[in-house]
Amino acid sequence: MTDDNIADACQSEQRAIVSLDLDFADIRSYSPADYSGLIVLRLDRQDRQHVVDGMMQPIPKLRYEELIGKLWIVTEKTIRICG
């Protein structure tokens, strides 16, 4: 599917987008305010274990940080929240 198809489906189903695709970090194309959340993983490696570890990193932060309407950029060491 194209990025736009994925974005449209997530919008209509009120789902967050979690992606390795840096296009979703472009707020001019994908405004965080229009989504139930955008999480972009900017990882040094994309092997399975590294991606799973990257996906697990933001989970504890969801307890006290809002995801809806925000863009989270996740690296191995940091989480930057925009929006």
Protein backbone atom coordinates (compact mmCIF):
# COMPACT_ATOMS: atom_id res chain seq x y z
CA MET A 1 0.00 0.00 0.00
CA THR A 2 1.09 3.58 -0.50
CA ASP A 3 1.80 5.87 2.43
CA ASP A 4 -1.39 7.79 1.65
CA ASN A 5 -3.47 4.59 1.65
CA ILE A 6 -2.02 3.57 5.00
CA ALA A 7 -2.58 7.04 6.43
CA ASP A 8 -6.19 7.12 5.18
CA ALA A 9 -6.94 3.68 6.64
CA CYS A 10 -5.42 4.63 10.00
CA GLN A 11 -7.38 7.88 10.07
CA SER A 12 -10.70 6.21 9.29
CA GLU A 13 -10.08 3.47 11.90
CA GLN A 14 -8.63 5.93 14.45
CA ARG A 15 -5.40 3.95 14.67
CA ALA A 16 -1.90 5.21 15.31
CA ILE A 17 0.78 4.74 12.66
CA VAL A 18 4.03 3.06 13.69
CA SER A 19 6.54 3.06 10.87
CA LEU A 20 10.17 2.94 9.84
CA ASP A 21 9.21 5.14 6.88
CA LEU A 22 10.59 8.65 7.44
CA ASP A 23 7.91 10.11 5.16
CA PHE A 24 5.51 9.95 8.11
CA ALA A 25 7.81 12.33 10.01
CA ASP A 26 7.09 15.06 7.43
CA ILE A 27 4.46 17.14 9.22
CA ARG A 28 3.70 19.06 6.02
CA SER A 29 2.40 15.85 4.46
CA TYR A 30 1.14 14.09 7.61
CA SER A 31 0.04 16.60 10.21
CA PRO A 32 0.06 14.91 13.63
CA ALA A 33 -3.16 16.72 14.54
CA ASP A 34 -4.97 14.64 11.91
CA TYR A 35 -4.00 11.26 13.40
CA SER A 36 -4.44 9.12 16.48
CA GLY A 37 -0.68 9.26 16.71
CA LEU A 38 2.41 8.88 14.56
CA ILE A 39 5.45 6.96 15.79
CA VAL A 40 8.45 6.94 13.46
CA LEU A 41 11.30 4.63 14.34
CA ARG A 42 14.70 6.03 13.32
CA LEU A 43 16.89 3.06 14.09
CA ASP A 44 20.50 2.35 13.20
CA ARG A 45 19.59 -1.19 12.11
CA GLN A 46 16.37 -2.79 10.90
CA ASP A 47 16.91 -6.43 11.79
CA ARG A 48 13.96 -8.04 13.57
CA GLN A 49 15.24 -7.84 17.15
CA HIS A 50 16.37 -4.25 16.77
CA VAL A 51 12.97 -3.20 15.39
CA VAL A 52 11.11 -5.06 18.15
CA ASP A 53 13.30 -3.36 20.76
CA GLY A 54 12.64 0.01 19.10
CA MET A 55 8.88 -0.60 19.12
CA MET A 56 8.93 -1.53 22.80
CA GLN A 57 10.82 1.59 23.86
CA PRO A 58 7.89 4.06 23.77
CA ILE A 59 5.37 1.78 25.51
CA PRO A 60 6.14 2.85 29.11
CA LYS A 61 5.91 6.51 28.07
CA LEU A 62 2.31 5.95 26.87
CA ARG A 63 1.24 5.83 30.52
CA TYR A 64 1.86 9.54 30.98
CA GLU A 65 2.31 11.08 27.50
CA GLU A 66 -0.50 11.64 24.98
CA LEU A 67 -0.05 10.01 21.59
CA ILE A 68 -3.18 11.34 19.87
CA GLY A 69 -2.29 14.32 17.68
CA LYS A 70 1.45 13.89 18.27
CA LEU A 71 4.48 12.74 16.31
CA TRP A 72 6.93 10.63 18.27
CA ILE A 73 10.41 10.15 16.79
CA VAL A 74 12.03 7.13 18.43
CA THR A 75 15.74 6.37 18.26
CA GLU A 76 17.75 3.84 20.22
CA LYS A 77 18.42 6.41 22.95
CA THR A 78 15.70 9.07 22.76
CA ILE A 79 12.05 9.77 22.16
CA ARG A 80 11.23 13.22 20.77
CA ILE A 81 7.58 14.27 20.92
CA CYS A 82 6.31 16.93 18.53
CA GLY A 83 2.89 18.49 18.23
